[in-house]
C-alpha atoms as a PDB file:
ATOM      1  CA  MET A   1      65.814 247.799   9.783  1.00  0.00           C
ATOM      2  CA  ASP A   2      65.271 251.678   9.530  1.00  0.00           C
ATOM      3  CA  LEU A   3      68.767 251.955  10.934  1.00  0.00           C
ATOM      4  CA  HIS A   4      68.802 255.675  11.669  1.00  0.00           C
ATOM      5  CA  LEU A   5      65.962 254.986  14.118  1.00  0.00           C
ATOM      6  CA  LEU A   6      68.498 253.354  16.486  1.00  0.00           C
ATOM      7  CA  ASP A   7      70.069 256.539  17.370  1.00  0.00           C
ATOM      8  CA  TYR A   8      67.239 258.879  16.655  1.00  0.00           C
ATOM      9  CA  SER A   9      68.389 262.349  17.217  1.00  0.00           C
ATOM     10  CA  GLU A  10      67.243 264.650  19.733  1.00  0.00           C
ATOM     11  CA  PRO A  11      65.493 267.791  18.384  1.00  0.00           C
ATOM     12  CA  GLY A  12      67.824 270.599  17.892  1.00  0.00           C
ATOM     13  CA  ASN A  13      70.865 268.586  17.711  1.00  0.00           C
ATOM     14  CA  PHE A  14      71.667 269.420  13.965  1.00  0.00           C
ATOM     15  CA  SER A  15      71.127 273.319  14.040  1.00  0.00           C
ATOM     16  CA  ASP A  16      74.882 274.001  14.121  1.00  0.00           C
ATOM     17  CA  ILE A  17      76.560 270.795  12.365  1.00  0.00           C
ATOM     18  CA  SER A  18      78.560 271.195   9.339  1.00  0.00           C
ATOM     19  CA  TRP A  19      76.933 268.990   6.812  1.00  0.00           C
ATOM     20  CA  PRO A  20      79.197 267.429   4.422  1.00  0.00           C
ATOM     21  CA  CYS A  21      78.875 268.835   0.728  1.00  0.00           C
ATOM     22  CA  ASN A  22      80.753 267.837  -2.492  1.00  0.00           C
ATOM     23  CA  GLY A  23      79.297 269.380  -5.428  1.00  0.00           C
ATOM     24  CA  SER A  24      76.161 267.711  -6.680  1.00  0.00           C
ATOM     25  CA  ASP A  25      76.174 265.359  -3.685  1.00  0.00           C
ATOM     26  CA  CYS A  26      75.717 268.045  -1.149  1.00  0.00           C
ATOM     27  CA  ILE A  27      72.970 267.108   1.333  1.00  0.00           C
ATOM     28  CA  ALA A  28      70.050 269.588   2.208  1.00  0.00           C
ATOM     29  CA  VAL A  29      68.691 268.781   6.007  1.00  0.00           C
ATOM     30  CA  ASP A  30      66.123 270.942   7.616  1.00  0.00           C
ATOM     31  CA  THR A  31      67.204 272.591  10.727  1.00  0.00           C
ATOM     32  CA  LEU A  32      65.209 271.579  13.853  1.00  0.00           C
ATOM     33  CA  GLN A  33      64.566 274.171  16.359  1.00  0.00           C
ATOM     34  CA  CYS A  34      63.037 272.193  19.176  1.00  0.00           C
ATOM     35  CA  GLY A  35      64.270 272.171  22.646  1.00  0.00           C
ATOM     36  CA  HIS A  36      65.855 269.194  24.532  1.00  0.00           C
ATOM     37  CA  VAL A  37      63.678 265.967  25.158  1.00  0.00           C
ATOM     38  CA  PRO A  38      62.472 265.752  28.833  1.00  0.00           C
ATOM     39  CA  ASN A  39      64.813 263.536  30.986  1.00  0.00           C
ATOM     40  CA  LYS A  40      66.778 262.412  28.115  1.00  0.00           C
ATOM     41  CA  SER A  41      69.648 261.098  30.199  1.00  0.00           C
ATOM     42  CA  VAL A  42      67.127 259.170  32.163  1.00  0.00           C
ATOM     43  CA  LEU A  43      65.933 257.479  29.237  1.00  0.00           C
ATOM     44  CA  LEU A  44      69.026 256.598  27.709  1.00  0.00           C
ATOM     45  CA  TYR A  45      70.888 255.393  30.393  1.00  0.00           C
ATOM     46  CA  THR A  46      67.718 253.091  31.629  1.00  0.00           C
ATOM     47  CA  LEU A  47      67.539 251.613  28.097  1.00  0.00           C
ATOM     48  CA  SER A  48      71.626 251.242  28.162  1.00  0.00           C
ATOM     49  CA  PHE A  49      70.726 248.929  31.291  1.00  0.00           C
ATOM     50  CA  VAL A  50      68.245 247.057  29.336  1.00  0.00           C
ATOM     51  CA  TYR A  51      70.309 246.488  26.396  1.00  0.00           C
ATOM     52  CA  ILE A  52      73.054 245.002  28.339  1.00  0.00           C
ATOM     53  CA  PHE A  53      70.650 242.594  29.994  1.00  0.00           C
ATOM     54  CA  ILE A  54      69.444 241.672  26.555  1.00  0.00           C
ATOM     55  CA  PHE A  55      72.924 241.174  25.290  1.00  0.00           C
ATOM     56  CA  VAL A  56      73.980 238.930  28.159  1.00  0.00           C
ATOM     57  CA  ILE A  57      70.601 236.708  27.796  1.00  0.00           C
ATOM     58  CA  GLY A  58      70.695 236.762  24.019  1.00  0.00           C
ATOM     59  CA  MET A  59      74.518 235.702  23.887  1.00  0.00           C
ATOM     60  CA  ILE A  60      74.087 232.997  26.275  1.00  0.00           C
ATOM     61  CA  ALA A  61      70.729 231.775  24.842  1.00  0.00           C
ATOM     62  CA  ASN A  62      71.907 231.725  21.120  1.00  0.00           C
ATOM     63  CA  SER A  63      75.187 230.502  21.953  1.00  0.00           C
ATOM     64  CA  VAL A  64      73.770 227.470  23.457  1.00  0.00           C
ATOM     65  CA  VAL A  65      71.448 226.777  20.620  1.00  0.00           C
ATOM     66  CA  VAL A  66      74.260 227.124  17.978  1.00  0.00           C
ATOM     67  CA  TRP A  67      76.507 224.857  20.017  1.00  0.00           C
ATOM     68  CA  VAL A  68      73.759 222.239  20.510  1.00  0.00           C
ATOM     69  CA  ASN A  69      73.281 222.207  17.069  1.00  0.00           C
ATOM     70  CA  ILE A  70      76.845 221.827  16.099  1.00  0.00           C
ATOM     71  CA  GLN A  71      77.231 218.953  18.594  1.00  0.00           C
ATOM     72  CA  ALA A  72      74.098 217.296  17.244  1.00  0.00           C
ATOM     73  CA  LYS A  73      76.047 216.375  14.145  1.00  0.00           C
ATOM     74  CA  THR A  74      78.111 213.981  16.171  1.00  0.00           C
ATOM     75  CA  THR A  75      75.110 212.764  17.790  1.00  0.00           C
ATOM     76  CA  GLY A  76      72.908 211.916  14.918  1.00  0.00           C
ATOM     77  CA  TYR A  77      70.247 214.282  15.680  1.00  0.00           C
ATOM     78  CA  ASP A  78      68.875 215.787  12.304  1.00  0.00           C
ATOM     79  CA  THR A  79      69.209 219.548  12.884  1.00  0.00           C
ATOM     80  CA  HIS A  80      66.781 221.917  11.634  1.00  0.00           C
ATOM     81  CA  CYS A  81      68.705 224.601   9.444  1.00  0.00           C
ATOM     82  CA  TYR A  82      66.253 227.537  10.154  1.00  0.00           C
ATOM     83  CA  ILE A  83      66.617 227.218  13.719  1.00  0.00           C
ATOM     84  CA  LEU A  84      70.394 227.246  13.510  1.00  0.00           C
ATOM     85  CA  ASN A  85      70.466 230.265  11.182  1.00  0.00           C
ATOM     86  CA  LEU A  86      67.957 231.906  13.236  1.00  0.00           C
ATOM     87  CA  ALA A  87      70.202 231.499  16.366  1.00  0.00           C
ATOM     88  CA  ILE A  88      73.191 232.709  14.260  1.00  0.00           C
ATOM     89  CA  ALA A  89      71.338 235.782  13.165  1.00  0.00           C
ATOM     90  CA  ASP A  90      70.102 236.601  16.661  1.00  0.00           C
ATOM     91  CA  LEU A  91      73.477 236.002  17.967  1.00  0.00           C
ATOM     92  CA  TRP A  92      74.927 238.543  15.691  1.00  0.00           C
ATOM     93  CA  VAL A  93      72.356 241.153  16.472  1.00  0.00           C
ATOM     94  CA  VAL A  94      72.944 240.986  20.160  1.00  0.00           C
ATOM     95  CA  VAL A  95      76.674 241.023  19.611  1.00  0.00           C
ATOM     96  CA  THR A  96      76.284 244.715  18.079  1.00  0.00           C
ATOM     97  CA  ILE A  97      74.386 245.725  21.164  1.00  0.00           C
ATOM     98  CA  PRO A  98      77.635 247.074  23.135  1.00  0.00           C
ATOM     99  CA  VAL A  99      78.319 249.395  20.241  1.00  0.00           C
ATOM    100  CA  TRP A 100      74.785 250.946  20.665  1.00  0.00           C
ATOM    101  CA  VAL A 101      75.399 251.182  24.286  1.00  0.00           C
ATOM    102  CA  VAL A 102      78.406 253.154  23.984  1.00  0.00           C
ATOM    103  CA  SER A 103      76.627 255.556  21.650  1.00  0.00           C
ATOM    104  CA  LEU A 104      73.465 255.858  24.037  1.00  0.00           C
ATOM    105  CA  VAL A 105      75.398 256.799  27.045  1.00  0.00           C
ATOM    106  CA  GLN A 106      76.885 259.626  25.028  1.00  0.00           C
ATOM    107  CA  HIS A 107      73.639 260.955  24.024  1.00  0.00           C
ATOM    108  CA  ASN A 108      73.725 259.278  20.776  1.00  0.00           C
ATOM    109  CA  GLN A 109      76.898 260.726  19.446  1.00  0.00           C
ATOM    110  CA  TRP A 110      79.409 258.279  17.788  1.00  0.00           C
ATOM    111  CA  PRO A 111      83.097 258.480  18.580  1.00  0.00           C
ATOM    112  CA  MET A 112      83.849 255.232  16.788  1.00  0.00           C
ATOM    113  CA  GLY A 113      84.595 256.468  13.367  1.00  0.00           C
ATOM    114  CA  GLU A 114      82.803 256.205   9.924  1.00  0.00           C
ATOM    115  CA  LEU A 115      83.988 252.464   9.113  1.00  0.00           C
ATOM    116  CA  THR A 116      82.621 251.293  12.489  1.00  0.00           C
ATOM    117  CA  CYS A 117      79.292 253.241  11.837  1.00  0.00           C
ATOM    118  CA  LYS A 118      78.832 251.592   8.574  1.00  0.00           C
ATOM    119  CA  VAL A 119      80.058 248.206   9.541  1.00  0.00           C
ATOM    120  CA  THR A 120      77.999 247.979  12.789  1.00  0.00           C
ATOM    121  CA  HIS A 121      74.689 249.038  10.904  1.00  0.00           C
ATOM    122  CA  LEU A 122      75.397 246.538   8.298  1.00  0.00           C
ATOM    123  CA  ILE A 123      75.853 243.649  10.468  1.00  0.00           C
ATOM    124  CA  PHE A 124      72.782 244.712  12.524  1.00  0.00           C
ATOM    125  CA  SER A 125      70.593 245.130   9.816  1.00  0.00           C
ATOM    126  CA  ILE A 126      71.503 242.007   7.784  1.00  0.00           C
ATOM    127  CA  ASN A 127      70.853 239.770  10.923  1.00  0.00           C
ATOM    128  CA  LEU A 128      67.745 241.558  12.076  1.00  0.00           C
ATOM    129  CA  PHE A 129      66.265 241.071   8.844  1.00  0.00           C
ATOM    130  CA  GLY A 130      67.558 237.608   8.654  1.00  0.00           C
ATOM    131  CA  SER A 131      66.219 236.717  11.756  1.00  0.00           C
ATOM    132  CA  ILE A 132      62.619 238.013  10.907  1.00  0.00           C
ATOM    133  CA  PHE A 133      62.724 236.172   7.390  1.00  0.00           C
ATOM    134  CA  PHE A 134      63.997 232.737   9.245  1.00  0.00           C
ATOM    135  CA  LEU A 135      60.786 233.000  11.281  1.00  0.00           C
ATOM    136  CA  THR A 136      58.811 233.498   8.191  1.00  0.00           C
ATOM    137  CA  CYS A 137      60.379 230.710   6.440  1.00  0.00           C
ATOM    138  CA  MET A 138      60.156 228.272   9.347  1.00  0.00           C
ATOM    139  CA  SER A 139      56.311 228.821   9.644  1.00  0.00           C
ATOM    140  CA  VAL A 140      55.891 228.109   5.916  1.00  0.00           C
ATOM    141  CA  ASP A 141      58.165 224.967   6.101  1.00  0.00           C
ATOM    142  CA  ARG A 142      56.153 223.439   9.186  1.00  0.00           C
ATOM    143  CA  TYR A 143      52.897 223.802   7.394  1.00  0.00           C
ATOM    144  CA  LEU A 144      54.171 222.352   4.044  1.00  0.00           C
ATOM    145  CA  SER A 145      55.818 219.651   5.883  1.00  0.00           C
ATOM    146  CA  VAL A 146      52.793 218.513   7.631  1.00  0.00           C
ATOM    147  CA  ALA A 147      50.227 219.125   4.955  1.00  0.00           C
ATOM    148  CA  TYR A 148      51.860 218.266   1.726  1.00  0.00           C
ATOM    149  CA  PHE A 149      55.438 216.906   1.962  1.00  0.00           C
ATOM    150  CA  ALA A 150      55.255 214.558   4.726  1.00  0.00           C
ATOM    151  CA  SER A 151      56.349 211.519   2.408  1.00  0.00           C
ATOM    152  CA  THR A 152      59.113 213.591   0.699  1.00  0.00           C
ATOM    153  CA  SER A 153      62.724 212.393   1.595  1.00  0.00           C
ATOM    154  CA  GLY A 154      64.460 213.921   4.264  1.00  0.00           C
ATOM    155  CA  ARG A 155      67.664 214.566   1.955  1.00  0.00           C
ATOM    156  CA  LYS A 156      65.631 216.558  -0.672  1.00  0.00           C
ATOM    157  CA  LYS A 157      64.037 218.547   2.112  1.00  0.00           C
ATOM    158  CA  ARG A 158      67.441 219.137   3.721  1.00  0.00           C
ATOM    159  CA  LEU A 159      68.679 220.611   0.403  1.00  0.00           C
ATOM    160  CA  VAL A 160      65.572 222.849  -0.085  1.00  0.00           C
ATOM    161  CA  ARG A 161      65.947 224.367   3.280  1.00  0.00           C
ATOM    162  CA  ARG A 162      69.774 224.883   2.534  1.00  0.00           C
ATOM    163  CA  ALA A 163      68.926 226.692  -0.506  1.00  0.00           C
ATOM    164  CA  VAL A 164      66.132 228.794   1.027  1.00  0.00           C
ATOM    165  CA  CYS A 165      68.577 229.825   3.978  1.00  0.00           C
ATOM    166  CA  VAL A 166      71.195 231.058   1.252  1.00  0.00           C
ATOM    167  CA  LEU A 167      68.307 233.026  -0.554  1.00  0.00           C
ATOM    168  CA  VAL A 168      67.414 234.655   2.986  1.00  0.00           C
ATOM    169  CA  TRP A 169      70.817 235.753   3.742  1.00  0.00           C
ATOM    170  CA  LEU A 170      71.305 237.315   0.358  1.00  0.00           C
ATOM    171  CA  LEU A 171      67.910 239.013   0.540  1.00  0.00           C
ATOM    172  CA  ALA A 172      68.842 240.426   3.933  1.00  0.00           C
ATOM    173  CA  PHE A 173      72.016 241.858   2.617  1.00  0.00           C
ATOM    174  CA  GLY A 174      70.492 243.265  -0.350  1.00  0.00           C
ATOM    175  CA  VAL A 175      67.867 244.976   1.595  1.00  0.00           C
ATOM    176  CA  SER A 176      70.325 246.306   4.143  1.00  0.00           C
ATOM    177  CA  LEU A 177      72.648 247.642   1.735  1.00  0.00           C
ATOM    178  CA  PRO A 178      71.326 251.084   0.414  1.00  0.00           C
ATOM    179  CA  ASP A 179      70.864 252.476   3.699  1.00  0.00           C
ATOM    180  CA  THR A 180      74.089 251.445   4.751  1.00  0.00           C
ATOM    181  CA  TYR A 181      75.722 252.797   1.709  1.00  0.00           C
ATOM    182  CA  TYR A 182      74.663 256.520   2.518  1.00  0.00           C
ATOM    183  CA  LEU A 183      75.525 256.397   6.300  1.00  0.00           C
ATOM    184  CA  LYS A 184      78.471 259.001   7.311  1.00  0.00           C
ATOM    185  CA  THR A 185      79.795 260.564  10.380  1.00  0.00           C
ATOM    186  CA  VAL A 186      79.295 264.226  10.712  1.00  0.00           C
ATOM    187  CA  THR A 187      80.676 266.640  13.440  1.00  0.00           C
ATOM    188  CA  SER A 188      79.215 269.716  14.851  1.00  0.00           C
ATOM    189  CA  ALA A 189      81.175 272.855  14.344  1.00  0.00           C
ATOM    190  CA  SER A 190      80.496 274.443  17.804  1.00  0.00           C
ATOM    191  CA  ASN A 191      80.928 271.581  20.281  1.00  0.00           C
ATOM    192  CA  ASN A 192      82.647 268.870  18.273  1.00  0.00           C
ATOM    193  CA  GLU A 193      80.140 266.301  18.741  1.00  0.00           C
ATOM    194  CA  THR A 194      79.999 263.470  15.947  1.00  0.00           C
ATOM    195  CA  TYR A 195      76.906 261.682  14.749  1.00  0.00           C
ATOM    196  CA  CYS A 196      76.443 258.551  12.578  1.00  0.00           C
ATOM    197  CA  ARG A 197      73.544 259.468  10.243  1.00  0.00           C
ATOM    198  CA  ALA A 198      72.236 258.512   6.806  1.00  0.00           C
ATOM    199  CA  PHE A 199      72.817 261.253   4.233  1.00  0.00           C
ATOM    200  CA  TYR A 200      70.505 260.724   1.140  1.00  0.00           C
ATOM    201  CA  PRO A 201      70.710 262.671  -2.205  1.00  0.00           C
ATOM    202  CA  GLU A 202      69.739 266.351  -1.765  1.00  0.00           C
ATOM    203  CA  HIS A 203      67.130 266.168  -4.803  1.00  0.00           C
ATOM    204  CA  SER A 204      65.180 263.197  -2.954  1.00  0.00           C
ATOM    205  CA  VAL A 205      66.013 263.283   0.816  1.00  0.00           C
ATOM    206  CA  LYS A 206      62.472 263.070   1.752  1.00  0.00           C
ATOM    207  CA  GLU A 207      61.568 260.182  -0.643  1.00  0.00           C
ATOM    208  CA  TRP A 208      64.700 258.137   0.499  1.00  0.00           C
ATOM    209  CA  LEU A 209      63.817 258.716   4.144  1.00  0.00           C
ATOM    210  CA  ILE A 210      60.103 257.488   3.651  1.00  0.00           C
ATOM    211  CA  SER A 211      61.214 254.531   1.299  1.00  0.00           C
ATOM    212  CA  MET A 212      63.597 253.344   3.845  1.00  0.00           C
ATOM    213  CA  GLU A 213      60.917 253.397   6.742  1.00  0.00           C
ATOM    214  CA  LEU A 214      58.462 251.890   4.349  1.00  0.00           C
ATOM    215  CA  VAL A 215      60.963 249.033   3.412  1.00  0.00           C
ATOM    216  CA  SER A 216      61.436 248.578   7.331  1.00  0.00           C
ATOM    217  CA  VAL A 217      57.615 248.232   7.965  1.00  0.00           C
ATOM    218  CA  VAL A 218      56.628 246.301   4.923  1.00  0.00           C
ATOM    219  CA  LEU A 219      59.610 243.837   4.663  1.00  0.00           C
ATOM    220  CA  GLY A 220      60.284 243.869   8.405  1.00  0.00           C
ATOM    221  CA  PHE A 221      56.762 243.318   9.751  1.00  0.00           C
ATOM    222  CA  ALA A 222      53.672 243.458   7.442  1.00  0.00           C
ATOM    223  CA  ILE A 223      54.682 240.662   4.985  1.00  0.00           C
ATOM    224  CA  PRO A 224      56.414 238.262   7.398  1.00  0.00           C
ATOM    225  CA  PHE A 225      53.624 238.893  10.197  1.00  0.00           C
ATOM    226  CA  SER A 226      50.894 238.237   7.484  1.00  0.00           C
ATOM    227  CA  VAL A 227      52.721 235.144   6.279  1.00  0.00           C
ATOM    228  CA  ILE A 228      53.584 233.862  10.099  1.00  0.00           C
ATOM    229  CA  ALA A 229      50.045 234.273  11.068  1.00  0.00           C
ATOM    230  CA  VAL A 230      48.449 232.674   8.110  1.00  0.00           C
ATOM    231  CA  PHE A 231      50.645 229.577   7.871  1.00  0.00           C
ATOM    232  CA  TYR A 232      50.451 228.805  11.671  1.00  0.00           C
ATOM    233  CA  PHE A 233      46.662 229.098  11.451  1.00  0.00           C
ATOM    234  CA  LEU A 234      46.821 226.778   8.503  1.00  0.00           C
ATOM    235  CA  LEU A 235      49.209 224.636  10.598  1.00  0.00           C
ATOM    236  CA  ALA A 236      46.713 224.491  13.557  1.00  0.00           C
ATOM    237  CA  ARG A 237      43.672 223.596  11.474  1.00  0.00           C
ATOM    238  CA  ALA A 238      46.014 220.765   9.512  1.00  0.00           C
ATOM    239  CA  ILE A 239      46.724 219.204  13.154  1.00  0.00           C
ATOM    240  CA  ALA A 240      43.327 219.188  14.183  1.00  0.00           C
ATOM    241  CA  SER A 241      42.759 215.404  13.812  1.00  0.00           C
ATOM    242  CA  SER A 242      45.379 214.661  16.741  1.00  0.00           C
ATOM    243  CA  SER A 243      44.118 213.774  20.276  1.00  0.00           C
ATOM    244  CA  ASP A 244      42.744 216.720  22.370  1.00  0.00           C
ATOM    245  CA  GLN A 245      45.649 217.028  24.827  1.00  0.00           C
ATOM    246  CA  GLU A 246      48.095 217.219  21.709  1.00  0.00           C
ATOM    247  CA  LYS A 247      45.882 219.343  19.974  1.00  0.00           C
ATOM    248  CA  GLN A 248      45.668 221.961  22.774  1.00  0.00           C
ATOM    249  CA  SER A 249      49.344 221.901  23.591  1.00  0.00           C
ATOM    250  CA  SER A 250      50.294 222.459  19.897  1.00  0.00           C
ATOM    251  CA  ARG A 251      47.767 225.282  19.189  1.00  0.00           C
ATOM    252  CA  LYS A 252      49.343 226.989  22.348  1.00  0.00           C
ATOM    253  CA  ILE A 253      52.832 226.640  20.907  1.00  0.00           C
ATOM    254  CA  ILE A 254      51.540 227.906  17.371  1.00  0.00           C
ATOM    255  CA  LEU A 255      49.536 230.946  19.331  1.00  0.00           C
ATOM    256  CA  SER A 256      52.790 231.851  21.400  1.00  0.00           C
ATOM    257  CA  TYR A 257      54.846 232.099  18.148  1.00  0.00           C
ATOM    258  CA  VAL A 258      52.446 234.675  16.641  1.00  0.00           C
ATOM    259  CA  VAL A 259      51.547 236.625  19.778  1.00  0.00           C
ATOM    260  CA  VAL A 260      55.281 236.981  20.869  1.00  0.00           C
ATOM    261  CA  PHE A 261      56.222 238.355  17.165  1.00  0.00           C
ATOM    262  CA  LEU A 262      53.306 240.831  17.416  1.00  0.00           C
ATOM    263  CA  VAL A 263      54.132 242.299  20.859  1.00  0.00           C
ATOM    264  CA  CYS A 264      57.804 242.572  20.046  1.00  0.00           C
ATOM    265  CA  TRP A 265      57.395 244.088  16.669  1.00  0.00           C
ATOM    266  CA  LEU A 266      53.816 245.924  16.314  1.00  0.00           C
ATOM    267  CA  PRO A 267      54.769 248.830  18.833  1.00  0.00           C
ATOM    268  CA  TYR A 268      57.858 249.984  16.794  1.00  0.00           C
ATOM    269  CA  HIS A 269      56.299 249.769  13.578  1.00  0.00           C
ATOM    270  CA  LEU A 270      53.538 251.606  14.575  1.00  0.00           C
ATOM    271  CA  VAL A 271      55.670 254.408  15.821  1.00  0.00           C
ATOM    272  CA  VAL A 272      57.697 253.979  12.513  1.00  0.00           C
ATOM    273  CA  LEU A 273      54.375 254.797  10.773  1.00  0.00           C
ATOM    274  CA  LEU A 274      53.792 257.678  12.722  1.00  0.00           C
ATOM    275  CA  ASP A 275      57.237 259.134  12.034  1.00  0.00           C
ATOM    276  CA  ILE A 276      56.343 258.723   8.079  1.00  0.00           C
ATOM    277  CA  PHE A 277      53.069 260.608   8.684  1.00  0.00           C
ATOM    278  CA  SER A 278      55.106 263.243  10.187  1.00  0.00           C
ATOM    279  CA  ILE A 279      57.408 263.605   7.550  1.00  0.00           C
ATOM    280  CA  LEU A 280      54.445 263.786   4.918  1.00  0.00           C
ATOM    281  CA  HIS A 281      52.687 266.415   7.099  1.00  0.00           C
ATOM    282  CA  TYR A 282      49.831 264.314   7.280  1.00  0.00           C
ATOM    283  CA  ILE A 283      50.329 265.034  11.264  1.00  0.00           C
ATOM    284  CA  PRO A 284      51.130 268.503  12.120  1.00  0.00           C
ATOM    285  CA  PHE A 285      54.616 269.078  13.209  1.00  0.00           C
ATOM    286  CA  THR A 286      55.100 269.986  17.086  1.00  0.00           C
ATOM    287  CA  CYS A 287      58.010 269.567  19.248  1.00  0.00           C
ATOM    288  CA  GLN A 288      55.874 267.333  21.713  1.00  0.00           C
ATOM    289  CA  LEU A 289      55.557 264.972  18.626  1.00  0.00           C
ATOM    290  CA  GLU A 290      59.199 265.380  17.913  1.00  0.00           C
ATOM    291  CA  ALA A 291      59.906 264.664  21.805  1.00  0.00           C
ATOM    292  CA  PHE A 292      57.453 261.631  21.686  1.00  0.00           C
ATOM    293  CA  LEU A 293      58.995 260.069  18.368  1.00  0.00           C
ATOM    294  CA  PHE A 294      62.600 260.394  20.138  1.00  0.00           C
ATOM    295  CA  THR A 295      61.321 258.626  23.208  1.00  0.00           C
ATOM    296  CA  ALA A 296      58.993 256.025  21.562  1.00  0.00           C
ATOM    297  CA  LEU A 297      61.483 255.066  18.685  1.00  0.00           C
ATOM    298  CA  HIS A 298      64.108 254.382  21.416  1.00  0.00           C
ATOM    299  CA  VAL A 299      61.880 252.356  23.630  1.00  0.00           C
ATOM    300  CA  THR A 300      59.911 250.210  20.900  1.00  0.00           C
ATOM    301  CA  GLN A 301      63.516 249.592  19.317  1.00  0.00           C
ATOM    302  CA  CYS A 302      64.572 248.280  22.645  1.00  0.00           C
ATOM    303  CA  LEU A 303      61.318 246.215  23.194  1.00  0.00           C
ATOM    304  CA  SER A 304      61.707 244.697  19.597  1.00  0.00           C
ATOM    305  CA  LEU A 305      65.434 243.219  20.481  1.00  0.00           C
ATOM    306  CA  VAL A 306      63.687 241.141  23.423  1.00  0.00           C
ATOM    307  CA  HIS A 307      62.718 238.850  20.488  1.00  0.00           C
ATOM    308  CA  CYS A 308      66.329 237.761  20.243  1.00  0.00           C
ATOM    309  CA  CYS A 309      66.066 236.474  23.788  1.00  0.00           C
ATOM    310  CA  VAL A 310      62.572 234.902  23.437  1.00  0.00           C
ATOM    311  CA  ASN A 311      63.464 232.862  20.265  1.00  0.00           C
ATOM    312  CA  PRO A 312      65.624 230.440  21.530  1.00  0.00           C
ATOM    313  CA  VAL A 313      63.118 229.493  24.209  1.00  0.00           C
ATOM    314  CA  LEU A 314      60.243 229.584  21.843  1.00  0.00           C
ATOM    315  CA  TYR A 315      62.012 227.639  18.866  1.00  0.00           C
ATOM    316  CA  SER A 316      64.363 225.414  20.873  1.00  0.00           C
ATOM    317  CA  PHE A 317      64.357 224.924  24.725  1.00  0.00           C
ATOM    318  CA  ILE A 318      60.383 224.646  24.652  1.00  0.00           C
ATOM    319  CA  ASN A 319      60.908 221.612  22.611  1.00  0.00           C
ATOM    320  CA  ARG A 320      61.192 218.478  24.946  1.00  0.00           C
ATOM    321  CA  ASN A 321      63.389 216.588  22.532  1.00  0.00           C
ATOM    322  CA  TYR A 322      65.548 219.653  22.184  1.00  0.00           C
ATOM    323  CA  ARG A 323      66.221 219.475  25.632  1.00  0.00           C
ATOM    324  CA  TYR A 324      67.334 216.030  25.634  1.00  0.00           C
ATOM    325  CA  GLU A 325      69.687 216.943  23.072  1.00  0.00           C
ATOM    326  CA  LEU A 326      71.028 219.687  25.011  1.00  0.00           C
ATOM    327  CA  MET A 327      71.738 217.218  27.978  1.00  0.00           C
ATOM    328  CA  LYS A 328      73.198 214.510  25.466  1.00  0.00           C
ATOM    329  CA  ALA A 329      75.443 217.538  24.234  1.00  0.00           C
ATOM    330  CA  PHE A 330      77.051 218.128  27.749  1.00  0.00           C
ATOM    331  CA  ILE A 331      77.231 214.263  28.487  1.00  0.00           C
ATOM    332  CA  PHE A 332      79.207 213.814  25.122  1.00  0.00           C
ATOM    333  CA  LYS A 333      81.424 216.766  25.768  1.00  0.00           C
ATOM    334  CA  TYR A 334      82.114 215.817  29.563  1.00  0.00           C
ATOM    335  CA  SER A 335      81.018 212.245  30.061  1.00  0.00           C
ATOM    336  CA  ALA A 336      81.178 210.378  27.136  1.00  0.00           C
ATOM    337  CA  LYS A 337      82.393 207.182  28.857  1.00  0.00           C
ATOM    338  CA  THR A 338      79.873 207.119  31.415  1.00  0.00           C
ATOM    339  CA  GLY A 339      77.216 205.498  29.374  1.00  0.00           C
ATOM    340  CA  LEU A 340      74.765 208.296  30.242  1.00  0.00           C
ATOM    341  CA  THR A 341      74.009 209.005  26.733  1.00  0.00           C
ATOM    342  CA  LYS A 342      72.731 205.437  26.266  1.00  0.00           C
ATOM    343  CA  LEU A 343      70.389 205.981  29.052  1.00  0.00           C
ATOM    344  CA  ILE A 344      69.210 208.894  27.646  1.00  0.00           C
ATOM    345  CA  ASP A 345      68.583 207.545  24.393  1.00  0.00           C
ATOM    346  CA  ALA A 346      66.672 204.860  25.760  1.00  0.00           C
ATOM    347  CA  SER A 347      64.401 207.057  27.644  1.00  0.00           C
ATOM    348  CA  ARG A 348      63.732 209.603  25.114  1.00  0.00           C
ATOM    349  CA  VAL A 349      60.130 210.408  24.747  1.00  0.00           C
ATOM    350  CA  SER A 350      58.273 210.580  21.539  1.00  0.00           C
ATOM    351  CA  GLU A 351      57.321 213.862  20.489  1.00  0.00           C
ATOM    352  CA  THR A 352      53.870 214.695  21.636  1.00  0.00           C
ATOM    353  CA  GLU A 353      53.074 218.347  22.010  1.00  0.00           C
ATOM    354  CA  TYR A 354      55.760 219.156  19.384  1.00  0.00           C
ATOM    355  CA  SER A 355      55.265 216.108  17.185  1.00  0.00           C
ATOM    356  CA  ALA A 356      52.991 218.184  14.640  1.00  0.00           C
ATOM    357  CA  LEU A 357      55.438 221.060  14.503  1.00  0.00           C
ATOM    358  CA  GLU A 358      58.483 218.943  14.064  1.00  0.00           C
ATOM    359  CA  GLN A 359      58.218 215.506  13.018  1.00  0.00           C
ATOM    360  CA  ASN A 360      58.094 216.209   9.490  1.00  0.00           C
ATOM    361  CA  ALA A 361      60.438 219.115   9.558  1.00  0.00           C
ATOM    362  CA  LYS A 362      63.633 216.688  10.259  1.00  0.00           C
END
């Protein structure tokens, strides 16, 4: 994502910073003259508590999904590789949250060194883009499996999905690399405060900044949401021939996928677009606008990460058969000799409301 927004700087922070300069790589940055953001400490400390909550829930939920998928290899369950990779990506995203919290409670200062700055941003960006891309691939896969490839062998579909997963990780890495490359730590000359920022080439600072933000909007929201919305709409139409109860349940699940993605990500990207318009001077610069962007970017970025907690529920725990696999995983771990696994296998229900979404994806 557009990572400098995670620690979007308070107006006025940079007036006394000695920016690194090395010949032709010298970086010119406009000096901001605005005052402090009102209630900044309250905002950052409140968001820190919310981030800690997201960290705890996200770690537990995604760890369970990964663990159950690993256990499923021994129980004969055909794991959906997109869900496994989605959980891994979300898990790595929330792993970086404590680092952001350390920075937030110090008013976005970065006391952890330049290497940590680059590595943390890279891990965060790769996995956040990866998470979004896997959600997109899953929508396409589910529709194609139901509409066109119902009779294709499971082995061939598994090979295709694994190849797609590899390509997704490579794409996420490629998209994340440019912004990470330009990250540096800089220290204020007057108060010795250190920040982690992206420093783009002097002759094209504005172009780089706008490009990175547009990449965030286009690849992080516009294209994925369009694909998700279109293919889940097509999937809803494809399953219209099922019974009324099954059709209604399936459509509710499909609608929840689209709505949750929209609610989590649309506010953040609208604010990013507003920031782009401000940089291009389509909107007159004011200190009130700068303070609003500081607050809005922090709040909407936090909201977007709630998706890492919701994904395990929407794509795993809501699935009835997945809940059975969760029970079986615990039984195999702690009660393998009790015979309870046979009881669960015998009572396992056929997929009803989830059949249209999953029966051909396995």
